[in-house]
Protein backbone atom coordinates (compact mmCIF):
# COMPACT_ATOMS: atom_id res chain seq x y z
CA UNK A 1 9.86 -10.00 -8.42
CA UNK A 2 10.58 -11.30 -5.06
CA UNK A 3 13.04 -8.41 -4.31
CA UNK A 4 9.60 -6.38 -5.01
CA UNK A 5 7.57 -8.42 -2.57
CA UNK A 6 10.31 -8.16 0.08
CA UNK A 7 10.46 -4.46 -0.25
CA UNK A 8 6.74 -4.38 0.30
CA UNK A 9 6.93 -6.50 3.33
CA UNK A 10 9.56 -4.47 4.85
CA UNK A 11 8.14 -1.19 3.97
CA UNK A 12 4.75 -2.55 5.72
CA UNK A 13 6.70 -3.78 8.72
CA UNK A 14 8.30 -0.64 9.02
CA UNK A 15 4.85 1.56 8.88
CA UNK A 16 3.60 -1.04 11.39
CA UNK A 17 6.26 -0.61 14.15
CA UNK A 18 6.18 3.31 13.64
CA UNK A 19 2.58 3.22 14.29
CA UNK A 20 3.21 1.12 17.65
CA UNK A 21 5.91 3.39 18.64
CA UNK A 22 4.46 6.68 18.04
CA UNK A 23 7.14 9.31 19.22
CA UNK A 24 8.05 12.98 18.81
CA UNK A 25 8.41 12.48 15.00
CA UNK A 26 4.23 11.91 14.58
CA UNK A 27 2.48 15.29 14.03
CA UNK A 28 0.42 16.44 16.72
CA UNK A 29 -3.42 15.27 15.89
CA UNK A 30 -2.30 12.29 13.75
CA UNK A 31 -4.43 9.30 14.26
CA UNK A 32 -6.17 11.23 17.37
CA UNK A 33 -9.40 9.59 18.55
CA UNK A 34 -8.99 6.74 15.97
CA UNK A 35 -9.09 3.19 17.24
CA UNK A 36 -8.25 0.23 15.54
CA UNK A 37 -11.21 -1.97 14.87
CA UNK A 38 -12.78 -4.42 12.33
CA UNK A 39 -14.82 -2.30 9.94
CA UNK A 40 -17.71 -4.66 9.32
CA UNK A 41 -19.73 -2.26 7.16
CA UNK A 42 -17.15 -2.14 4.47
CA UNK A 43 -15.62 -5.42 4.47
CA UNK A 44 -14.83 -7.41 1.50
CA UNK A 45 -13.85 -10.85 3.48
CA UNK A 46 -13.62 -10.07 7.36
CA UNK A 47 -13.03 -6.29 7.84
CA UNK A 48 -9.63 -6.27 8.58
CA UNK A 49 -8.19 -4.19 5.67
CA UNK A 50 -11.23 -1.47 5.93
CA UNK A 51 -10.27 -1.41 9.62
CA UNK A 52 -6.61 -0.91 9.12
CA UNK A 53 -7.64 1.88 6.15
CA UNK A 54 -10.13 3.75 8.54
CA UNK A 55 -7.07 3.59 11.20
CA UNK A 56 -4.23 4.83 9.05
CA UNK A 57 -6.08 6.90 6.47
CA UNK A 58 -4.44 5.12 3.54
CA UNK A 59 -6.86 4.06 0.66
CA UNK A 60 -8.46 0.70 1.37
CA UNK A 61 -7.05 -0.75 -2.06
CA UNK A 62 -3.35 0.05 -1.25
CA UNK A 63 -4.17 -2.08 2.27
CA UNK A 64 -5.55 -5.07 0.30
CA UNK A 65 -2.72 -4.66 -2.21
CA UNK A 66 0.19 -5.03 0.52
CA UNK A 67 -1.88 -7.93 2.18
CA UNK A 68 -1.98 -10.02 -1.01
CA UNK A 69 1.97 -9.15 -1.73
CA UNK A 70 2.31 -10.18 1.80
CA UNK A 71 0.19 -13.43 1.13
CA UNK A 72 2.34 -14.28 -1.77
CA UNK A 73 5.61 -13.85 0.31
CA UNK A 74 5.85 -17.00 2.26
CA UNK A 75 2.00 -16.68 3.34
CA UNK A 76 2.51 -14.44 5.93
CA UNK A 77 -0.15 -12.03 4.71
CA UNK A 78 -2.61 -15.12 5.52
CA UNK A 79 -0.99 -15.70 8.96
CA UNK A 80 -1.13 -11.89 10.00
CA UNK A 81 -4.67 -11.33 8.55
CA UNK A 82 -5.89 -14.03 10.58
CA UNK A 83 -3.84 -12.88 13.78
CA UNK A 84 -5.06 -9.51 13.04
CA UNK A 85 -8.94 -10.79 12.87
CA UNK A 86 -8.43 -12.42 16.20
CA UNK A 87 -6.97 -9.36 17.76
CA UNK A 88 -8.74 -6.39 16.18
CA UNK A 89 -12.15 -5.61 18.08
CA UNK A 90 -15.31 -5.10 16.10
CA UNK A 91 -16.76 -1.81 15.43
CA UNK A 92 -20.17 -2.44 16.49
């Protein structure tokens, strides 16, 4: 079970790094005009997962599931969620 959680965390980390270092491998127009902001209209707790979902285009349920898996893995998901809430600007 822990290997599955670890694999999910590593996958989320790799995806995050890929987002920050968008290079020539990223298709043209991918994430064009999108900004990473909190989504207060579709929030469940603080709007972080909904904001990440709007930014990446992934379903919000997948983002929330990855965040919960991260929370079970040494609490890193909780720390990242709070950090993201403090760093992401509000969409309003």
